[in-house]
């Protein structure tokens, strides 16, 4: 698993994705591949240990690749830092 990491406005954003299987979490079930992602937002200062994690919720269509899910999670994290989105912590 690759965990992408970037610095954005004095915050460290890390995102990872995982595949969601179709009915009953069966990896052999037929259907499109769908991915979910989580973004972790932490402060860059070493004395601050308040990392927050947020799960991505896809309203329209689920991403079909892990890279797309990570890209969406990073954008979601940037929107949270900018104050554009009010999200609930995990």
Protein backbone atom coordinates (compact mmCIF):
# COMPACT_ATOMS: atom_id res chain seq x y z
CA UNK A 1 0.00 0.00 0.00
CA UNK A 2 1.26 3.44 -0.88
CA UNK A 3 0.47 6.36 1.39
CA UNK A 4 0.73 9.63 -0.50
CA UNK A 5 1.95 12.62 1.51
CA UNK A 6 2.11 16.35 0.72
CA UNK A 7 2.58 19.59 2.65
CA UNK A 8 -0.18 22.14 2.27
CA UNK A 9 -0.46 25.43 4.19
CA UNK A 10 1.59 24.25 7.19
CA UNK A 11 -0.28 20.93 7.33
CA UNK A 12 0.79 17.47 6.30
CA UNK A 13 -1.80 15.60 4.28
CA UNK A 14 -1.57 11.83 3.93
CA UNK A 15 -4.06 9.75 1.97
CA UNK A 16 -4.55 6.08 1.36
CA UNK A 17 -7.17 4.07 -0.43
CA UNK A 18 -8.57 0.57 -0.26
CA UNK A 19 -10.76 -1.47 -2.55
CA UNK A 20 -14.36 -2.03 -1.61
CA UNK A 21 -15.75 -5.33 -2.79
CA UNK A 22 -19.26 -5.86 -4.07
CA UNK A 23 -21.97 -7.71 -2.19
CA UNK A 24 -20.97 -9.25 1.13
CA UNK A 25 -17.36 -8.13 0.69
CA UNK A 26 -16.75 -10.99 -1.73
CA UNK A 27 -13.57 -10.36 -3.79
CA UNK A 28 -14.84 -12.72 -6.52
CA UNK A 29 -18.26 -11.09 -6.95
CA UNK A 30 -19.01 -9.53 -10.31
CA UNK A 31 -19.27 -5.80 -10.59
CA UNK A 32 -17.17 -2.69 -11.06
CA UNK A 33 -14.10 -2.09 -8.93
CA UNK A 34 -14.73 0.64 -6.41
CA UNK A 35 -12.29 2.31 -4.04
CA UNK A 36 -12.68 4.28 -0.85
CA UNK A 37 -10.11 6.61 0.70
CA UNK A 38 -9.12 8.27 3.96
CA UNK A 39 -7.18 11.52 4.41
CA UNK A 40 -5.11 12.31 7.51
CA UNK A 41 -4.36 15.95 8.32
CA UNK A 42 -1.56 16.70 10.75
CA UNK A 43 0.38 19.81 11.73
CA UNK A 44 3.97 20.11 10.56
CA UNK A 45 5.19 21.45 13.93
CA UNK A 46 6.80 18.57 15.87
CA UNK A 47 5.29 19.61 19.24
CA UNK A 48 1.72 19.42 17.97
CA UNK A 49 0.24 15.91 17.99
CA UNK A 50 -3.31 16.59 16.84
CA UNK A 51 -3.70 14.57 13.67
CA UNK A 52 -7.21 14.28 12.28
CA UNK A 53 -8.56 11.58 9.96
CA UNK A 54 -11.50 11.95 7.59
CA UNK A 55 -13.22 9.37 5.41
CA UNK A 56 -14.09 10.38 1.88
CA UNK A 57 -17.77 10.04 0.97
CA UNK A 58 -18.52 9.88 -2.73
CA UNK A 59 -21.89 11.37 -3.61
CA UNK A 60 -21.99 10.58 -7.31
CA UNK A 61 -19.70 7.84 -8.60
CA UNK A 62 -17.00 5.88 -6.83
CA UNK A 63 -13.48 6.09 -8.25
CA UNK A 64 -12.42 3.02 -10.22
CA UNK A 65 -8.68 3.23 -9.49
CA UNK A 66 -6.68 3.67 -6.30
CA UNK A 67 -4.89 6.70 -7.75
CA UNK A 68 -8.19 8.48 -8.45
CA UNK A 69 -9.35 7.79 -4.89
CA UNK A 70 -6.11 9.22 -3.45
CA UNK A 71 -6.32 12.31 -5.67
CA UNK A 72 -9.88 12.94 -4.51
CA UNK A 73 -8.87 12.46 -0.88
CA UNK A 74 -6.01 14.95 -1.22
CA UNK A 75 -8.36 17.53 -2.74
CA UNK A 76 -10.85 16.82 0.06
CA UNK A 77 -8.09 17.42 2.63
CA UNK A 78 -7.13 20.70 0.97
CA UNK A 79 -10.78 21.80 1.06
CA UNK A 80 -10.95 20.96 4.79
CA UNK A 81 -7.79 22.98 5.52
CA UNK A 82 -9.12 25.90 3.46
CA UNK A 83 -12.44 25.80 5.36
CA UNK A 84 -14.54 25.02 2.26
CA UNK A 85 -15.83 21.74 3.71
CA UNK A 86 -17.08 20.95 7.21
CA UNK A 87 -16.27 17.28 7.76
CA UNK A 88 -16.69 14.90 10.69
CA UNK A 89 -13.59 13.22 12.11
CA UNK A 90 -13.29 9.45 12.20
